[in-house]
Amino acid sequence: MPAVDISEHLCIHYEEINPQGSPPVLLLHGLGSAGADWFFQFEALSKAGFRVLAPDLRGFGRSSAPPKVTVKDMADDMAIFLDKTNASPAHVVGISMGGTVALQFALDHPEMVRKLVLVNTFACLRPQSLGEIFYLVTRLFLTSLMGPEKQAEMVAKRVFPHPNQESLRNNLRQRILHTNPCAYRSALQSLQKFDVLSRLKELSMPVLVVTGAEDTTVPPRVQEEMAKAIPGARHVIVEGSGHGIIADNPEAFNRILVEFLTEA
């Protein structure tokens, strides 16, 4: 697995598929995940001729775990990463936490982004219903006081709730358990504070918002509001898909993604 030194104390490991392809596609993973979890997209994107880069964001996977992990830091890391891998400008695709990083990156470094794809993510997430508040409070409690096992179990069941998704649940559970707990907590705290709603009008590149209709982590209404606030954004809702759409419905997701990235 190749790696890039972002600074003296930070090394980013990444997956690269079809290195001779063009243009580059940067895939940004969710909280507690890693670049390899875009596995179901690698073949589809490489067959379409793209160079695929899927980094482990700071604090996750094999990358360094500094004490501070924020959305802003991860976005700035990606600017250095694309520069050092000669992959700018790139199509940028982010899911969940990775979507917030993609948003921050596109706002701060628009010249490095060809097209932007935001998957089951948000510009600002403030729980409204009792269920949303309960989930957030429970997640904070488990992360802070009960250790990674309870946290991993709850999140995995939330993302992949169906009986036939046991292997996907197990994979996510193990990935979270192997994440640096301090990095996880720091990133979670940053996500709670994340708010770029007032800046969405600055986005000028083509934007696609993809929503799993059964997403219970980022409510579809939040994603719809975000899409409406982005000038010219396209919003696609995929029925029968949840928060983990890139794994629970890869065929539909890959078709939507490749069509958007390849169209003129």
Protein backbone atom coordinates (compact mmCIF):
# COMPACT_ATOMS: atom_id res chain seq x y z
CA MET A 1 0.00 0.00 0.00
CA PRO A 2 1.67 3.27 -1.11
CA ALA A 3 1.98 6.24 1.22
CA VAL A 4 2.60 9.98 1.05
CA ASP A 5 4.23 12.13 3.75
CA ILE A 6 1.94 15.11 4.32
CA SER A 7 4.17 16.57 7.02
CA GLU A 8 6.98 15.48 9.31
CA HIS A 9 4.52 13.68 11.60
CA LEU A 10 1.72 12.73 9.22
CA CYS A 11 1.78 9.94 6.64
CA ILE A 12 -1.25 9.12 4.47
CA HIS A 13 -1.60 5.59 3.13
CA TYR A 14 -3.79 5.03 0.11
CA GLU A 15 -5.15 2.59 -2.44
CA GLU A 16 -4.44 3.31 -6.10
CA ILE A 17 -6.19 1.57 -8.99
CA ASN A 18 -5.38 2.07 -12.68
CA PRO A 19 -2.51 4.54 -12.10
CA GLN A 20 -2.25 5.30 -15.82
CA GLY A 21 -5.91 6.28 -16.03
CA SER A 22 -7.26 9.80 -16.36
CA PRO A 23 -8.70 11.92 -14.89
CA PRO A 24 -8.13 11.06 -11.23
CA VAL A 25 -11.01 10.26 -8.89
CA LEU A 26 -10.45 10.90 -5.17
CA LEU A 27 -12.63 8.71 -2.91
CA LEU A 28 -13.09 9.87 0.69
CA HIS A 29 -14.39 7.36 3.25
CA GLY A 30 -16.67 7.72 6.26
CA LEU A 31 -16.06 7.81 10.00
CA GLY A 32 -14.36 4.66 11.27
CA SER A 33 -13.75 3.44 7.74
CA ALA A 34 -10.76 3.41 5.35
CA GLY A 35 -9.94 3.83 1.69
CA ALA A 36 -10.18 0.10 0.99
CA ASP A 37 -13.89 0.20 1.82
CA TRP A 38 -14.48 1.71 -1.64
CA PHE A 39 -13.65 -1.78 -2.95
CA PHE A 40 -16.99 -2.11 -4.76
CA GLN A 41 -16.24 1.02 -6.81
CA PHE A 42 -12.67 0.22 -7.86
CA GLU A 43 -13.46 -1.98 -10.85
CA ALA A 44 -16.28 0.17 -12.20
CA LEU A 45 -14.19 3.34 -12.08
CA SER A 46 -11.05 1.73 -13.51
CA LYS A 47 -13.06 0.16 -16.36
CA ALA A 48 -14.37 3.64 -17.14
CA GLY A 49 -10.75 4.75 -17.54
CA PHE A 50 -10.28 6.70 -14.32
CA ARG A 51 -7.25 6.77 -12.07
CA VAL A 52 -8.62 5.86 -8.65
CA LEU A 53 -7.15 7.16 -5.38
CA ALA A 54 -8.68 6.09 -2.06
CA PRO A 55 -6.67 7.42 0.91
CA ASP A 56 -7.01 6.49 4.57
CA LEU A 57 -7.77 9.89 6.09
CA ARG A 58 -5.68 11.03 9.07
CA GLY A 59 -6.44 8.92 12.12
CA PHE A 60 -7.99 6.07 10.15
CA GLY A 61 -6.82 2.87 8.49
CA ARG A 62 -3.06 2.76 8.21
CA SER A 63 -2.52 6.51 8.17
CA SER A 64 -0.96 8.41 11.07
CA ALA A 65 -3.21 9.25 14.01
CA PRO A 66 -2.41 12.74 15.31
CA PRO A 67 -4.19 13.87 18.49
CA LYS A 68 -6.35 16.32 16.51
CA VAL A 69 -8.57 15.13 13.66
CA THR A 70 -10.89 17.76 12.18
CA VAL A 71 -12.76 18.08 8.90
CA LYS A 72 -10.67 21.14 8.04
CA ASP A 73 -7.40 19.30 8.72
CA MET A 74 -8.44 16.32 6.61
CA ALA A 75 -9.43 18.61 3.73
CA ASP A 76 -6.10 20.43 3.85
CA ASP A 77 -4.32 17.04 3.91
CA MET A 78 -6.04 16.15 0.65
CA ALA A 79 -4.76 19.28 -1.07
CA ILE A 80 -1.19 18.21 -0.26
CA PHE A 81 -2.00 14.60 -1.12
CA LEU A 82 -3.30 15.45 -4.62
CA ASP A 83 -0.35 17.73 -5.23
CA LYS A 84 2.20 15.09 -4.21
CA THR A 85 0.51 12.36 -6.27
CA ASN A 86 0.19 14.63 -9.33
CA ALA A 87 -3.57 14.07 -9.28
CA SER A 88 -4.96 17.60 -9.40
CA PRO A 89 -7.55 18.54 -10.49
CA ALA A 90 -9.58 15.46 -9.58
CA HIS A 91 -13.17 14.37 -9.35
CA VAL A 92 -13.88 14.26 -5.60
CA VAL A 93 -16.34 11.75 -4.12
CA GLY A 94 -17.11 11.58 -0.40
CA ILE A 95 -19.50 9.55 1.72
CA SER A 96 -20.74 10.58 5.19
CA MET A 97 -17.70 12.06 7.01
CA GLY A 98 -15.83 11.86 3.72
CA GLY A 99 -18.57 13.98 2.19
CA THR A 100 -17.96 16.75 4.72
CA VAL A 101 -14.25 16.57 3.91
CA ALA A 102 -15.09 16.73 0.20
CA LEU A 103 -17.31 19.77 0.80
CA GLN A 104 -14.66 21.57 2.84
CA PHE A 105 -12.03 20.69 0.25
CA ALA A 106 -14.14 21.96 -2.66
CA LEU A 107 -14.85 25.22 -0.83
CA ASP A 108 -11.24 25.85 0.16
CA HIS A 109 -9.52 24.45 -2.96
CA PRO A 110 -12.02 24.76 -5.84
CA GLU A 111 -9.27 24.83 -8.45
CA MET A 112 -8.40 21.23 -7.53
CA VAL A 113 -11.93 19.86 -8.08
CA ARG A 114 -13.40 18.84 -11.44
CA LYS A 115 -16.73 17.46 -10.22
CA LEU A 116 -18.01 16.92 -6.69
CA VAL A 117 -20.10 13.95 -5.53
CA LEU A 118 -21.63 14.05 -2.04
CA VAL A 119 -23.02 10.75 -0.76
CA ASN A 120 -25.23 10.44 2.34
CA THR A 121 -23.62 13.49 3.89
CA PHE A 122 -24.40 16.98 5.15
CA ALA A 123 -23.35 20.61 5.25
CA CYS A 124 -24.64 20.90 8.82
CA LEU A 125 -26.24 18.20 10.95
CA ARG A 126 -28.37 19.21 13.92
CA PRO A 127 -30.70 16.48 15.21
CA GLN A 128 -34.39 17.43 15.29
CA SER A 129 -36.50 14.38 16.07
CA LEU A 130 -36.33 12.49 19.36
CA GLY A 131 -34.91 9.50 17.53
CA GLU A 132 -32.09 11.55 16.00
CA ILE A 133 -31.28 13.15 19.35
CA PHE A 134 -31.28 9.78 21.11
CA TYR A 135 -28.93 8.26 18.52
CA LEU A 136 -26.47 11.14 18.78
CA VAL A 137 -26.48 11.18 22.59
CA THR A 138 -26.09 7.39 22.73
CA ARG A 139 -23.23 7.48 20.27
CA LEU A 140 -21.43 10.17 22.24
CA PHE A 141 -21.94 8.23 25.48
CA LEU A 142 -20.65 4.97 24.03
CA THR A 143 -17.68 6.66 22.37
CA SER A 144 -16.66 8.53 25.52
CA LEU A 145 -17.42 6.07 28.30
CA MET A 146 -18.20 2.56 27.14
CA GLY A 147 -15.29 1.77 24.84
CA PRO A 148 -15.05 0.95 21.14
CA GLU A 149 -16.85 -2.42 21.24
CA LYS A 150 -20.29 -0.99 22.08
CA GLN A 151 -19.78 1.89 19.69
CA ALA A 152 -18.78 -0.40 16.82
CA GLU A 153 -21.73 -2.69 17.42
CA MET A 154 -24.28 0.13 17.45
CA VAL A 155 -22.94 1.89 14.36
CA ALA A 156 -22.60 -1.31 12.33
CA LYS A 157 -26.21 -2.27 13.08
CA ARG A 158 -27.41 1.20 12.18
CA VAL A 159 -25.59 1.31 8.85
CA PHE A 160 -26.31 -2.29 7.82
CA PRO A 161 -29.55 -3.29 9.61
CA HIS A 162 -30.81 -6.12 7.41
CA PRO A 163 -30.30 -9.86 8.12
CA ASN A 164 -28.57 -10.45 4.77
CA GLN A 165 -25.97 -7.75 5.55
CA GLU A 166 -24.10 -9.65 8.26
CA SER A 167 -20.79 -9.71 6.39
CA LEU A 168 -21.01 -5.95 5.78
CA ARG A 169 -21.80 -5.37 9.47
CA ASN A 170 -18.85 -7.49 10.57
CA ASN A 171 -16.48 -5.68 8.22
CA LEU A 172 -17.57 -2.26 9.50
CA ARG A 173 -17.45 -3.43 13.12
CA GLN A 174 -13.88 -4.66 12.74
CA ARG A 175 -12.84 -1.50 10.92
CA ILE A 176 -14.16 0.70 13.76
CA LEU A 177 -12.51 -1.50 16.40
CA HIS A 178 -9.14 -1.02 14.69
CA THR A 179 -9.53 2.76 14.50
CA ASN A 180 -7.53 4.86 16.95
CA PRO A 181 -10.15 5.75 19.61
CA CYS A 182 -8.75 9.23 20.20
CA ALA A 183 -8.85 9.99 16.48
CA TYR A 184 -12.39 8.66 16.27
CA ARG A 185 -13.61 10.86 19.13
CA SER A 186 -11.83 13.91 17.76
CA ALA A 187 -13.34 13.43 14.30
CA LEU A 188 -16.81 12.85 15.76
CA GLN A 189 -16.58 16.08 17.75
CA SER A 190 -15.51 17.96 14.62
CA LEU A 191 -18.47 16.57 12.68
CA GLN A 192 -20.86 17.81 15.36
CA LYS A 193 -19.52 21.35 14.88
CA PHE A 194 -19.30 21.20 11.08
CA ASP A 195 -21.38 23.89 9.38
CA VAL A 196 -20.76 25.22 5.86
CA LEU A 197 -24.40 25.92 4.97
CA SER A 198 -23.72 29.61 4.40
CA ARG A 199 -20.90 28.79 1.96
CA LEU A 200 -22.69 26.32 -0.31
CA LYS A 201 -23.51 29.07 -2.80
CA GLU A 202 -19.76 29.37 -3.47
CA LEU A 203 -19.62 25.98 -5.19
CA SER A 204 -19.31 26.44 -8.94
CA MET A 205 -18.24 22.99 -10.14
CA PRO A 206 -20.82 20.34 -11.18
CA VAL A 207 -22.23 18.72 -8.02
CA LEU A 208 -24.14 15.48 -7.55
CA VAL A 209 -25.84 14.61 -4.26
CA VAL A 210 -26.66 10.91 -3.81
CA THR A 211 -29.06 9.88 -1.06
CA GLY A 212 -29.95 6.41 0.14
CA ALA A 213 -33.71 6.57 0.70
CA GLU A 214 -33.37 4.44 3.86
CA ASP A 215 -30.48 6.41 5.38
CA THR A 216 -31.08 6.65 9.14
CA THR A 217 -27.74 8.29 9.95
CA VAL A 218 -28.02 11.44 7.81
CA PRO A 219 -31.76 12.10 7.28
CA PRO A 220 -32.70 12.44 3.57
CA ARG A 221 -34.41 15.77 4.35
CA VAL A 222 -31.01 17.16 5.44
CA GLN A 223 -29.45 16.03 2.19
CA GLU A 224 -32.31 17.50 0.17
CA GLU A 225 -31.88 20.87 1.86
CA MET A 226 -28.16 20.77 1.13
CA ALA A 227 -28.73 19.94 -2.54
CA LYS A 228 -31.21 22.81 -2.93
CA ALA A 229 -28.66 25.25 -1.49
CA ILE A 230 -25.93 24.29 -3.98
CA PRO A 231 -26.25 26.15 -7.31
CA GLY A 232 -27.20 23.73 -10.10
CA ALA A 233 -26.72 20.61 -7.97
CA ARG A 234 -28.31 17.37 -9.10
CA HIS A 235 -29.97 15.21 -6.42
CA VAL A 236 -30.56 11.48 -6.90
CA ILE A 237 -32.43 9.38 -4.33
CA VAL A 238 -31.77 5.64 -4.50
CA GLU A 239 -34.61 3.49 -3.21
CA GLY A 240 -33.77 0.43 -1.16
CA SER A 241 -30.40 1.84 -0.07
CA GLY A 242 -29.22 3.00 3.33
CA HIS A 243 -26.29 4.96 4.70
CA GLY A 244 -23.83 2.36 3.40
CA ILE A 245 -25.02 2.65 -0.19
CA ILE A 246 -21.57 2.11 -1.71
CA ALA A 247 -21.65 -1.43 -0.28
CA ASP A 248 -25.34 -2.26 0.11
CA ASN A 249 -26.29 -1.24 -3.45
CA PRO A 250 -23.05 -0.87 -5.41
CA GLU A 251 -24.55 -1.64 -8.83
CA ALA A 252 -27.00 1.26 -8.70
CA PHE A 253 -24.50 3.59 -7.07
CA ASN A 254 -21.71 2.80 -9.55
CA ARG A 255 -24.02 3.37 -12.52
CA ILE A 256 -25.07 6.79 -11.18
CA LEU A 257 -21.49 7.74 -10.31
CA VAL A 258 -19.87 6.72 -13.60
CA GLU A 259 -22.63 8.36 -15.68
CA PHE A 260 -22.16 11.65 -13.83
CA LEU A 261 -18.36 11.62 -14.01
CA THR A 262 -18.21 10.71 -17.72
CA GLU A 263 -20.84 13.08 -19.07
CA ALA A 264 -19.66 16.27 -20.74
